[in-house]
Amino acid sequence: MPNYRRAWIPGGTFFFTVALADRNQSLLVSHIASLRQAFLTVRCRHPFDVRAIVVLPEHLHAIWTLPPGDCDFAMRWKLVKERFSSDIRRADPRHRQIWQKRYWEHAIRDERDFDAHVDYVHGNPVKHGLVQDSRQWPYSSIHRRGAENPACTSTLIASIRE
């Protein structure tokens, strides 16, 4: 088993890619309300700012900033995955392994790196051929861009349209 090394940076900003185990499923968009609730529940107990997010049918990309002194994004992802999985299994017990065991994480180094990753997040639906323009994809924080304070994301997850 490889020895994965995570960047533990208290108060850091991170880019994530998290995917379903079965990449042929579309559970993330077909159960967007459950995913939204999982995020909101975890954020209520273990705060973090969602700086950007896009939810595609079988994977999502997100940029989070953790509170000062806190570097435990792994626990937060574990809880989001558990909550979402529980909701899905309640609706359809045939679903077993919903998420890939691992996820990709990258510590954002500076403003340029941050901007590049935000552009990547928001451009992902176009990259995957789901829409021709990023603003056409309803499950994206691109709709919150230009808000008075884009770093303040208390309603970001809720703003992803059904």
Protein backbone atom coordinates (compact mmCIF):
# COMPACT_ATOMS: atom_id res chain seq x y z
CA MET A 1 0.00 0.00 0.00
CA PRO A 2 1.46 3.38 -0.95
CA ASN A 3 2.25 5.82 1.82
CA TYR A 4 0.17 8.88 0.92
CA ARG A 5 1.42 12.19 2.26
CA ARG A 6 -1.10 14.89 2.95
CA ALA A 7 -0.34 18.57 3.38
CA TRP A 8 -1.41 19.48 6.91
CA ILE A 9 -1.51 23.29 6.86
CA PRO A 10 -3.60 24.85 9.64
CA GLY A 11 -5.95 27.44 8.16
CA GLY A 12 -4.86 26.39 4.67
CA THR A 13 -6.74 26.53 1.40
CA PHE A 14 -7.01 23.28 -0.54
CA PHE A 15 -8.28 22.05 -3.90
CA PHE A 16 -10.02 18.66 -3.87
CA THR A 17 -11.27 16.14 -6.39
CA VAL A 18 -13.64 13.58 -4.88
CA ALA A 19 -15.24 10.85 -7.01
CA LEU A 20 -17.82 8.12 -6.83
CA ALA A 21 -16.58 4.52 -6.84
CA ASP A 22 -18.70 3.79 -9.91
CA ARG A 23 -17.88 6.53 -12.38
CA ASN A 24 -20.90 5.48 -14.48
CA GLN A 25 -23.33 6.65 -11.79
CA SER A 26 -24.82 10.13 -11.56
CA LEU A 27 -25.66 10.07 -7.86
CA LEU A 28 -24.13 13.45 -7.08
CA VAL A 29 -26.51 15.41 -9.30
CA SER A 30 -29.51 13.10 -8.95
CA HIS A 31 -29.22 13.46 -5.16
CA ILE A 32 -27.95 17.04 -4.99
CA ALA A 33 -30.22 17.86 -2.04
CA SER A 34 -28.59 15.07 0.01
CA LEU A 35 -25.13 16.25 -0.97
CA ARG A 36 -26.03 19.83 -0.05
CA GLN A 37 -27.38 18.67 3.31
CA ALA A 38 -24.23 16.63 3.99
CA PHE A 39 -22.08 19.70 3.41
CA LEU A 40 -24.27 21.95 5.52
CA THR A 41 -24.40 19.49 8.41
CA VAL A 42 -20.64 19.02 8.46
CA ARG A 43 -19.94 22.75 8.08
CA CYS A 44 -22.23 23.48 11.03
CA ARG A 45 -20.18 21.25 13.35
CA HIS A 46 -16.75 21.69 11.75
CA PRO A 47 -16.58 25.06 9.96
CA PHE A 48 -14.78 25.64 6.68
CA ASP A 49 -15.29 28.03 3.79
CA VAL A 50 -16.20 26.62 0.41
CA ARG A 51 -14.39 29.02 -1.88
CA ALA A 52 -15.46 27.29 -5.11
CA ILE A 53 -17.28 24.07 -6.00
CA VAL A 54 -18.66 22.21 -8.97
CA VAL A 55 -20.68 19.03 -8.71
CA LEU A 56 -20.65 16.77 -11.76
CA PRO A 57 -22.63 13.52 -12.06
CA GLU A 58 -19.87 11.27 -10.71
CA HIS A 59 -17.27 13.58 -9.17
CA LEU A 60 -16.85 17.01 -7.68
CA HIS A 61 -14.14 19.61 -7.31
CA ALA A 62 -14.00 21.98 -4.38
CA ILE A 63 -11.73 24.58 -2.87
CA TRP A 64 -11.94 24.89 0.89
CA THR A 65 -10.30 27.20 3.40
CA LEU A 66 -10.04 25.81 6.91
CA PRO A 67 -10.25 27.90 10.09
CA PRO A 68 -7.02 29.21 11.62
CA GLY A 69 -5.27 26.49 13.59
CA ASP A 70 -7.29 23.70 11.96
CA CYS A 71 -5.89 21.37 9.31
CA ASP A 72 -8.29 18.41 9.46
CA PHE A 73 -9.92 18.37 6.04
CA ALA A 74 -9.75 14.55 6.06
CA MET A 75 -12.24 14.32 8.92
CA ARG A 76 -14.58 16.73 7.15
CA TRP A 77 -14.50 14.73 3.90
CA LYS A 78 -15.08 11.52 5.87
CA LEU A 79 -18.17 13.04 7.48
CA VAL A 80 -19.53 14.47 4.20
CA LYS A 81 -19.09 11.10 2.50
CA GLU A 82 -20.68 9.22 5.41
CA ARG A 83 -23.71 11.52 5.57
CA PHE A 84 -24.30 11.42 1.81
CA SER A 85 -23.79 7.63 1.68
CA SER A 86 -26.24 7.10 4.53
CA ASP A 87 -28.90 9.13 2.72
CA ILE A 88 -28.34 7.24 -0.54
CA ARG A 89 -28.46 3.83 1.14
CA ARG A 90 -31.65 4.79 2.95
CA ALA A 91 -33.24 5.59 -0.43
CA ASP A 92 -31.79 2.50 -2.14
CA PRO A 93 -30.06 -0.17 -0.01
CA ARG A 94 -28.47 -1.74 -3.11
CA HIS A 95 -25.84 1.00 -3.10
CA ARG A 96 -22.79 -0.29 -1.24
CA GLN A 97 -19.47 1.38 -2.04
CA ILE A 98 -20.54 4.87 -3.09
CA TRP A 99 -17.27 6.81 -2.94
CA GLN A 100 -13.74 6.09 -4.10
CA LYS A 101 -11.67 5.41 -1.02
CA ARG A 102 -9.21 8.21 -1.69
CA TYR A 103 -9.44 11.71 -3.07
CA TRP A 104 -7.05 14.20 -4.60
CA GLU A 105 -5.96 17.18 -2.55
CA HIS A 106 -3.64 20.05 -3.41
CA ALA A 107 -2.54 22.81 -1.05
CA ILE A 108 -3.10 26.17 -2.69
CA ARG A 109 0.23 28.02 -2.69
CA ASP A 110 -0.67 31.59 -3.60
CA GLU A 111 -3.26 33.82 -5.26
CA ARG A 112 -2.20 32.78 -8.77
CA ASP A 113 -2.57 29.10 -7.85
CA PHE A 114 -5.94 29.86 -6.26
CA ASP A 115 -7.21 31.68 -9.37
CA ALA A 116 -6.03 28.84 -11.65
CA HIS A 117 -7.85 26.25 -9.55
CA VAL A 118 -11.05 28.32 -9.35
CA ASP A 119 -10.99 28.57 -13.16
CA TYR A 120 -10.43 24.80 -13.36
CA VAL A 121 -13.35 24.13 -10.99
CA HIS A 122 -15.74 26.38 -12.91
CA GLY A 123 -14.57 25.19 -16.33
CA ASN A 124 -14.98 21.49 -15.53
CA PRO A 125 -18.54 21.05 -16.89
CA VAL A 126 -17.34 22.40 -20.25
CA LYS A 127 -14.23 20.18 -20.15
CA HIS A 128 -16.46 17.13 -19.69
CA GLY A 129 -18.84 18.17 -22.47
CA LEU A 130 -21.84 18.69 -20.19
CA VAL A 131 -22.43 22.29 -21.33
CA GLN A 132 -20.92 24.75 -23.78
CA ASP A 133 -20.66 27.58 -21.26
CA SER A 134 -19.78 27.17 -17.59
CA ARG A 135 -22.70 29.33 -16.51
CA GLN A 136 -25.10 26.80 -18.02
CA TRP A 137 -24.18 24.18 -15.41
CA PRO A 138 -26.50 24.56 -12.40
CA TYR A 139 -24.32 22.74 -9.85
CA SER A 140 -21.52 25.26 -9.67
CA SER A 141 -20.41 28.12 -7.49
CA ILE A 142 -19.77 30.12 -10.65
CA HIS A 143 -23.24 31.55 -10.07
CA ARG A 144 -21.93 33.17 -6.87
CA ARG A 145 -18.94 34.82 -8.54
CA GLY A 146 -18.99 38.55 -8.34
CA ALA A 147 -20.92 38.52 -5.08
CA GLU A 148 -20.04 41.32 -2.68
CA ASN A 149 -17.68 38.98 -0.80
CA PRO A 150 -16.81 35.84 -2.77
CA ALA A 151 -14.76 34.48 0.13
CA CYS A 152 -17.83 34.50 2.39
CA THR A 153 -19.57 31.31 1.36
CA SER A 154 -22.13 30.62 4.06
CA THR A 155 -24.79 30.24 1.37
CA LEU A 156 -22.56 28.86 -1.39
CA ILE A 157 -23.65 25.25 -1.16
CA ALA A 158 -27.28 26.29 -0.82
CA SER A 159 -26.92 28.40 -3.97
CA ILE A 160 -26.26 25.33 -6.12
CA ARG A 161 -29.53 25.02 -7.92
CA GLU A 162 -31.67 21.86 -7.84
